[in-house]
Structures are given as structure tokens and as C-alpha cells.
């Protein structure tokens, strides 16, 4: 459902395919929602029979999904769409209180003979809670990801005040920014982007380029714009 409460999942699927990204990090992906499904016909252009992660995946992509939040009428969570083979899918609960169910989706990706550990994140609405969630993220990394492994963390960090870069650096994670130094690439709200809530943090990689696709079509599909980055290995 887009900001105007129209069914946009089909347009979003075409948008994801048009990005032609090797890895797609998604948040608030519905596995099912009985109430919203009743509002649309089960036709080829109506409410999908599949979960949204599988529906959004371009042909040939592998899919990882785990639930973060269970609601009265359904459930939603994080998803990773990958052009490359996936390893074991893991989930780590980082909810700070019972009113916000948040989680980390952890998936190793096999890329050109290397393993890249990917984490899809969606942090909470309050800064103190986000700080605690970053601490839990660091604890999770320390316990489950080898210290010399390539690591890519992306998602909605809800960091309105731009205060999470410093603690992330303390844990060895650098924020991906444009090499040309053109600001922080605002993605929210999609109609008039001002805040850089959507981020990519990495280890063992560097950012070659970054852009935010804009326009009425993207703004209609979500209240966040996509963040598109090209990354490469750091030289040894």
C-alpha cells in the first residue's frame, strides 16, 4: 500500500526490477494481511497470493524473509532479494519495548567466491532505543560474524538527528557516502526528501557511487525513496 492507500505492489515490483541491483534490502514487507487483502480482487493485478518478498523478487533472484512484527490482521518484516546464492537465514530480535517490534535479518551471500554477510535493519523511533539497538547489533556481529568477514548493513535507521555514525564507527562500520561528497542523500519523505533515514554501513567495502531515484512514481509507491549504491572491495 502506498501513501495514498492505493495498491502499489505491482508498480513497486517493476521499480525493483528496473533498479537492476544485485542486492535489495527491504523493510516492512508484508507476509500477509487479511484485512487489506479483502479490499482487492485476487486477480493478476490485484492482491498477490504470494508473500510480498517473493512477489517483489525479479526472476532468478533468491529471497530471504523473516517476520519482525505480528499485528491483528497479519505480519511484516525484513527481506533480502539477491542475485547471488544465499546461506542460512537468521533473525535477531532487537525490540526495545513491546510497542515496537524490530529485528535484524542476517543472510550470508556468496559472491564471486567470497562470502558477504548482509544484515537488513529497521530501527526504532526513539534515539535512546536506537542506541541500545546498535549495541545489540554490535553484540550480534561479535557473536555470529567472523571479525575479518565482509559485512554490509542496510535499512531504515530512523536516525533523524544523524547521531548513529559515531557509534557505528566505534564498531568498525563505515557509512557509505558518495565519493563526491554530495551530502547524505535524503530519502524521506519521498515527496519532498529532507532526512537521510535510509543508510548503508559496511566493512571491507567502499562506496563508488550513490544516488536516490526520485519522481512522482517513486513517491507514489512509498513514503521512502530508494537508496542505490555501487560498492567495491577495499584493496588489501
Protein backbone atom coordinates (compact mmCIF):
# COMPACT_ATOMS: atom_id res chain seq x y z
CA UNK A 1 0.00 0.00 0.00
CA UNK A 2 1.39 3.40 -0.99
CA UNK A 3 1.00 6.65 0.98
CA UNK A 4 -2.31 7.28 -0.80
CA UNK A 5 -3.61 3.83 0.29
CA UNK A 6 -3.58 2.55 -3.26
CA UNK A 7 -2.31 -0.89 -4.18
CA UNK A 8 1.21 -0.19 -5.46
CA UNK A 9 2.84 -3.60 -5.05
CA UNK A 10 2.79 -4.28 -8.82
CA UNK A 11 4.39 -0.93 -9.65
CA UNK A 12 6.91 -1.47 -6.87
CA UNK A 13 7.84 -4.83 -8.35
CA UNK A 14 8.57 -3.20 -11.70
CA UNK A 15 10.55 -0.49 -9.91
CA UNK A 16 12.69 -3.04 -8.07
CA UNK A 17 13.40 -4.85 -11.33
CA UNK A 18 14.31 -1.57 -13.06
CA UNK A 19 16.91 -0.77 -10.39
CA UNK A 20 18.81 -3.88 -11.54
CA UNK A 21 20.50 -4.15 -8.13
CA UNK A 22 22.47 -7.22 -7.10
CA UNK A 23 21.12 -6.98 -3.54
CA UNK A 24 17.85 -5.37 -2.45
CA UNK A 25 17.28 -4.62 1.25
CA UNK A 26 13.59 -4.20 2.14
CA UNK A 27 11.75 -3.25 5.33
CA UNK A 28 8.09 -3.51 6.37
CA UNK A 29 7.47 -6.25 3.83
CA UNK A 30 4.12 -7.88 4.38
CA UNK A 31 3.99 -11.65 4.57
CA UNK A 32 0.20 -11.43 4.71
CA UNK A 33 -2.52 -9.02 5.83
CA UNK A 34 -6.05 -10.41 5.84
CA UNK A 35 -7.89 -7.09 6.18
CA UNK A 36 -6.10 -5.27 3.36
CA UNK A 37 -6.31 -8.33 1.14
CA UNK A 38 -10.12 -8.23 1.35
CA UNK A 39 -10.16 -4.76 -0.26
CA UNK A 40 -8.78 -6.06 -3.57
CA UNK A 41 -9.68 -8.80 -6.00
CA UNK A 42 -7.43 -11.85 -6.29
CA UNK A 43 -6.73 -11.19 -9.96
CA UNK A 44 -3.39 -10.93 -11.80
CA UNK A 45 -3.39 -7.21 -10.97
CA UNK A 46 -4.98 -7.45 -7.54
CA UNK A 47 -3.67 -8.57 -4.16
CA UNK A 48 -0.86 -11.11 -4.67
CA UNK A 49 -1.30 -14.68 -3.48
CA UNK A 50 2.41 -14.80 -2.56
CA UNK A 51 4.12 -13.07 0.28
CA UNK A 52 5.37 -9.66 -0.82
CA UNK A 53 9.07 -10.61 -0.65
CA UNK A 54 8.60 -13.43 -3.16
CA UNK A 55 6.30 -11.29 -5.29
CA UNK A 56 8.78 -8.40 -5.50
CA UNK A 57 11.78 -10.57 -6.39
CA UNK A 58 12.78 -10.30 -10.07
CA UNK A 59 13.09 -13.57 -11.95
CA UNK A 60 16.18 -15.51 -10.92
CA UNK A 61 16.66 -13.76 -7.55
CA UNK A 62 16.81 -15.66 -4.27
CA UNK A 63 14.64 -14.45 -1.38
CA UNK A 64 15.15 -14.26 2.38
CA UNK A 65 12.37 -13.06 4.70
CA UNK A 66 11.80 -13.09 8.44
CA UNK A 67 8.96 -11.58 10.47
CA UNK A 68 9.57 -8.63 12.78
CA UNK A 69 6.03 -7.68 13.84
CA UNK A 70 2.82 -9.63 14.27
CA UNK A 71 -0.32 -7.48 14.12
CA UNK A 72 -4.03 -8.11 14.47
CA UNK A 73 -4.51 -8.84 10.77
CA UNK A 74 -1.09 -10.02 9.59
CA UNK A 75 2.65 -9.80 9.93
CA UNK A 76 5.54 -7.94 8.33
CA UNK A 77 9.31 -7.94 8.47
CA UNK A 78 12.60 -7.51 6.64
CA UNK A 79 13.58 -9.11 3.34
CA UNK A 80 16.65 -9.53 1.16
CA UNK A 81 16.47 -10.14 -2.59
CA UNK A 82 19.71 -11.42 -4.06
CA UNK A 83 21.07 -12.16 -7.50
CA UNK A 84 23.63 -14.43 -5.78
CA UNK A 85 23.22 -17.64 -3.73
CA UNK A 86 22.19 -17.25 -0.09
CA UNK A 87 23.38 -19.09 3.00
CA UNK A 88 21.47 -19.83 6.19
CA UNK A 89 18.89 -17.18 7.03
CA UNK A 90 18.99 -15.80 10.57
CA UNK A 91 16.85 -13.40 12.59
CA UNK A 92 17.72 -11.45 15.73
CA UNK A 93 15.11 -9.60 17.78
CA UNK A 94 16.21 -6.09 18.79
CA UNK A 95 12.85 -4.77 20.00
CA UNK A 96 13.38 -2.09 22.64
CA UNK A 97 9.85 -2.25 24.02
CA UNK A 98 6.62 -4.11 23.32
CA UNK A 99 5.08 -1.29 21.25
CA UNK A 100 7.77 -1.51 18.51
CA UNK A 101 8.69 -4.95 17.22
CA UNK A 102 12.06 -4.67 15.46
CA UNK A 103 14.51 -7.22 14.13
CA UNK A 104 17.68 -7.86 12.15
CA UNK A 105 17.68 -10.17 9.14
CA UNK A 106 21.11 -11.80 8.71
CA UNK A 107 21.98 -13.59 5.47
CA UNK A 108 25.40 -14.64 4.14
CA UNK A 109 25.66 -14.08 0.37
CA UNK A 110 28.06 -16.00 -1.89
CA UNK A 111 29.60 -13.50 -4.33
CA UNK A 112 32.36 -14.40 -6.79
CA UNK A 113 33.96 -16.90 -4.44
CA UNK A 114 33.63 -14.63 -1.41
CA UNK A 115 31.13 -14.54 1.42
CA UNK A 116 29.47 -11.23 2.27
CA UNK A 117 27.43 -11.09 5.46
CA UNK A 118 24.36 -8.92 4.93
CA UNK A 119 22.07 -7.51 7.61
CA UNK A 120 18.73 -5.85 6.89
CA UNK A 121 17.91 -3.43 9.71
CA UNK A 122 14.88 -1.39 10.76
CA UNK A 123 15.49 0.57 13.96
CA UNK A 124 13.07 2.23 16.37
CA UNK A 125 11.56 5.70 16.55
CA UNK A 126 13.36 6.91 19.71
CA UNK A 127 17.06 7.80 19.85
CA UNK A 128 17.76 6.10 23.18
CA UNK A 129 16.20 2.91 21.88
CA UNK A 130 18.21 3.11 18.66
CA UNK A 131 21.43 3.42 20.66
CA UNK A 132 20.53 0.24 22.54
CA UNK A 133 19.65 -1.47 19.26
CA UNK A 134 23.04 -0.53 17.81
CA UNK A 135 24.66 -2.08 20.88
CA UNK A 136 22.67 -5.26 20.29
CA UNK A 137 23.66 -5.17 16.63
CA UNK A 138 27.31 -4.96 17.63
CA UNK A 139 26.87 -7.82 20.08
CA UNK A 140 25.21 -9.89 17.36
CA UNK A 141 28.04 -9.16 14.92
CA UNK A 142 30.65 -10.12 17.51
CA UNK A 143 28.96 -13.46 18.22
CA UNK A 144 27.80 -14.52 14.75
CA UNK A 145 30.02 -12.88 12.10
CA UNK A 146 33.78 -13.54 11.77
CA UNK A 147 35.85 -10.42 12.55
CA UNK A 148 37.54 -10.44 9.12
CA UNK A 149 34.34 -11.09 7.13
CA UNK A 150 32.91 -8.66 4.61
CA UNK A 151 29.85 -7.02 6.14
CA UNK A 152 27.02 -4.96 4.68
CA UNK A 153 24.23 -3.48 6.81
CA UNK A 154 21.40 -1.53 5.20
CA UNK A 155 17.90 -0.38 6.01
CA UNK A 156 15.80 2.28 7.70
CA UNK A 157 17.73 3.57 10.72
CA UNK A 158 15.17 6.28 11.66
CA UNK A 159 18.12 8.46 12.69
CA UNK A 160 16.57 11.90 12.31
CA UNK A 161 19.38 13.69 14.13
CA UNK A 162 22.27 11.99 12.28
CA UNK A 163 23.73 10.66 15.54
CA UNK A 164 24.42 7.00 14.77
CA UNK A 165 27.51 7.32 12.56
CA UNK A 166 29.86 7.74 15.54
CA UNK A 167 28.80 4.60 17.44
CA UNK A 168 28.79 2.62 14.20
CA UNK A 169 32.38 3.71 13.55
CA UNK A 170 33.31 2.55 17.04
CA UNK A 171 32.18 -0.91 15.99
CA UNK A 172 34.25 -0.79 12.78
CA UNK A 173 31.42 0.11 10.41
CA UNK A 174 31.68 2.97 7.92
CA UNK A 175 28.69 4.71 6.41
CA UNK A 176 28.50 4.57 2.63
CA UNK A 177 28.52 8.08 1.20
CA UNK A 178 29.13 9.46 -2.26
CA UNK A 179 32.85 9.87 -3.03
CA UNK A 180 31.97 13.26 -4.50
CA UNK A 181 30.81 14.38 -1.04
CA UNK A 182 27.37 15.49 -2.16
CA UNK A 183 25.60 15.33 1.19
CA UNK A 184 23.78 12.48 2.85
CA UNK A 185 21.26 11.55 0.12
CA UNK A 186 17.89 12.31 1.68
CA UNK A 187 15.22 9.65 1.19
CA UNK A 188 12.35 10.79 3.46
CA UNK A 189 9.66 11.91 2.96
CA UNK A 190 9.53 10.70 -0.62
CA UNK A 191 7.57 13.68 -2.00
CA UNK A 192 10.00 16.25 -0.57
CA UNK A 193 13.04 14.35 0.76
CA UNK A 194 14.88 16.08 3.57
CA UNK A 195 16.03 13.37 6.03
CA UNK A 196 18.62 10.64 5.40
CA UNK A 197 16.88 7.88 7.31
CA UNK A 198 17.91 5.08 4.96
CA UNK A 199 21.55 4.08 5.29
CA UNK A 200 24.22 1.62 4.28
CA UNK A 201 27.05 0.73 6.66
CA UNK A 202 29.89 -1.53 5.61
CA UNK A 203 33.14 -3.28 6.49
CA UNK A 204 35.75 -4.31 3.92
CA UNK A 205 33.97 -2.38 1.15
CA UNK A 206 33.91 1.16 -0.14
CA UNK A 207 31.29 3.25 -1.92
CA UNK A 208 31.96 4.08 -5.59
CA UNK A 209 28.73 5.95 -6.28
CA UNK A 210 25.35 6.62 -4.71
CA UNK A 211 22.06 8.00 -5.93
CA UNK A 212 18.44 8.39 -4.88
CA UNK A 213 15.91 7.74 -7.67
CA UNK A 214 13.22 10.43 -7.47
CA UNK A 215 10.00 11.42 -9.15
CA UNK A 216 6.21 11.10 -8.80
CA UNK A 217 6.23 7.35 -9.49
CA UNK A 218 8.60 6.54 -6.63
CA UNK A 219 6.84 8.98 -4.28
CA UNK A 220 3.52 7.29 -5.04
CA UNK A 221 4.82 3.83 -4.16
CA UNK A 222 6.32 4.54 -0.72
CA UNK A 223 6.94 7.28 1.84
CA UNK A 224 10.68 6.48 1.47
CA UNK A 225 12.74 6.80 -1.71
CA UNK A 226 15.16 4.02 -2.64
CA UNK A 227 18.87 4.41 -1.94
CA UNK A 228 21.05 2.92 -4.68
CA UNK A 229 24.78 2.41 -4.13
CA UNK A 230 27.63 0.85 -6.08
CA UNK A 231 30.25 -0.75 -3.84
CA UNK A 232 33.60 -2.40 -4.40
CA UNK A 233 36.12 -4.35 -2.32
CA UNK A 234 38.70 -2.42 -0.37
CA UNK A 235 42.21 -3.08 -1.62
CA UNK A 236 44.11 -5.44 0.66
